[in-house]
């Protein structure tokens, strides 16, 4: 997947994660893009751990990116204490 495709998947995953996690997340497009990219790496890490390949920091597909972005957003909200669910 090229760089543009990677950024588009990250942006889509970030938007979906923000829609799924309850509450108001006041982040712009750049924050949403970073959330999706971090989610892609989190999803890739979880996927490699579940398949038994060990710890491998790689990107994942759209489903893994969305799941990873949801996990990253929940962790970010818990660490910063921005909102209570």
Protein backbone atom coordinates (compact mmCIF):
# COMPACT_ATOMS: atom_id res chain seq x y z
CA UNK A 1 0.00 0.00 0.00
CA UNK A 2 1.37 3.37 -0.94
CA UNK A 3 1.77 6.34 1.35
CA UNK A 4 -1.40 8.02 0.09
CA UNK A 5 -3.42 4.83 0.63
CA UNK A 6 -1.94 4.46 4.12
CA UNK A 7 -2.96 8.02 5.00
CA UNK A 8 -6.48 7.57 3.61
CA UNK A 9 -6.99 4.33 5.57
CA UNK A 10 -5.67 6.09 8.70
CA UNK A 11 -8.05 9.00 8.22
CA UNK A 12 -11.05 6.70 7.70
CA UNK A 13 -10.12 4.58 10.72
CA UNK A 14 -9.71 7.70 12.87
CA UNK A 15 -13.11 9.07 11.83
CA UNK A 16 -14.84 5.76 12.54
CA UNK A 17 -13.10 5.42 15.92
CA UNK A 18 -14.19 8.93 16.89
CA UNK A 19 -17.76 8.08 15.87
CA UNK A 20 -17.81 4.81 17.84
CA UNK A 21 -16.25 6.04 21.09
CA UNK A 22 -18.84 8.08 23.02
CA UNK A 23 -18.23 11.70 23.92
CA UNK A 24 -16.91 14.80 22.24
CA UNK A 25 -13.38 14.44 20.87
CA UNK A 26 -12.30 17.88 19.78
CA UNK A 27 -9.46 17.04 17.43
CA UNK A 28 -9.01 18.25 13.90
CA UNK A 29 -8.25 16.35 10.75
CA UNK A 30 -4.55 16.08 11.62
CA UNK A 31 -5.37 14.60 15.05
CA UNK A 32 -7.81 12.18 13.45
CA UNK A 33 -5.17 11.17 10.91
CA UNK A 34 -2.59 10.56 13.65
CA UNK A 35 -5.17 8.56 15.62
CA UNK A 36 -5.82 6.35 12.60
CA UNK A 37 -2.11 5.83 11.91
CA UNK A 38 -1.43 4.93 15.54
CA UNK A 39 -4.47 2.65 15.39
CA UNK A 40 -3.07 0.92 12.34
CA UNK A 41 0.14 0.10 14.19
CA UNK A 42 -1.76 -0.99 17.32
CA UNK A 43 -3.98 -3.21 15.16
CA UNK A 44 -0.94 -4.66 13.41
CA UNK A 45 0.72 -5.37 16.75
CA UNK A 46 -2.39 -7.07 18.12
CA UNK A 47 -2.79 -9.06 14.91
CA UNK A 48 0.79 -10.31 15.07
CA UNK A 49 0.38 -11.28 18.72
CA UNK A 50 -2.87 -13.15 18.02
CA UNK A 51 -1.39 -15.09 15.10
CA UNK A 52 1.63 -16.11 17.15
CA UNK A 53 4.21 -14.24 15.08
CA UNK A 54 5.58 -12.49 18.15
CA UNK A 55 5.87 -8.74 18.56
CA UNK A 56 5.95 -7.18 15.11
CA UNK A 57 5.28 -3.47 14.60
CA UNK A 58 3.58 -3.47 11.24
CA UNK A 59 0.53 -1.82 9.73
CA UNK A 60 -2.81 -3.55 9.45
CA UNK A 61 -5.82 -3.39 7.16
CA UNK A 62 -8.89 -1.25 7.61
CA UNK A 63 -10.58 -3.48 10.22
CA UNK A 64 -7.41 -3.78 12.29
CA UNK A 65 -6.85 -0.04 11.96
CA UNK A 66 -10.34 0.74 13.22
CA UNK A 67 -10.00 -1.62 16.20
CA UNK A 68 -6.55 -0.24 16.98
CA UNK A 69 -7.78 3.36 16.69
CA UNK A 70 -10.66 2.65 19.08
CA UNK A 71 -8.21 1.15 21.58
CA UNK A 72 -5.80 4.07 21.13
CA UNK A 73 -8.58 6.66 21.62
CA UNK A 74 -9.89 4.96 24.75
CA UNK A 75 -6.34 4.73 26.15
CA UNK A 76 -5.68 8.40 25.28
CA UNK A 77 -8.87 9.49 27.03
CA UNK A 78 -8.04 7.36 30.09
CA UNK A 79 -4.49 8.67 30.35
CA UNK A 80 -5.33 12.34 29.86
CA UNK A 81 -8.54 12.14 31.88
CA UNK A 82 -10.33 14.26 29.28
CA UNK A 83 -13.71 12.66 29.73
CA UNK A 84 -15.52 10.02 31.70
CA UNK A 85 -17.69 7.49 29.95
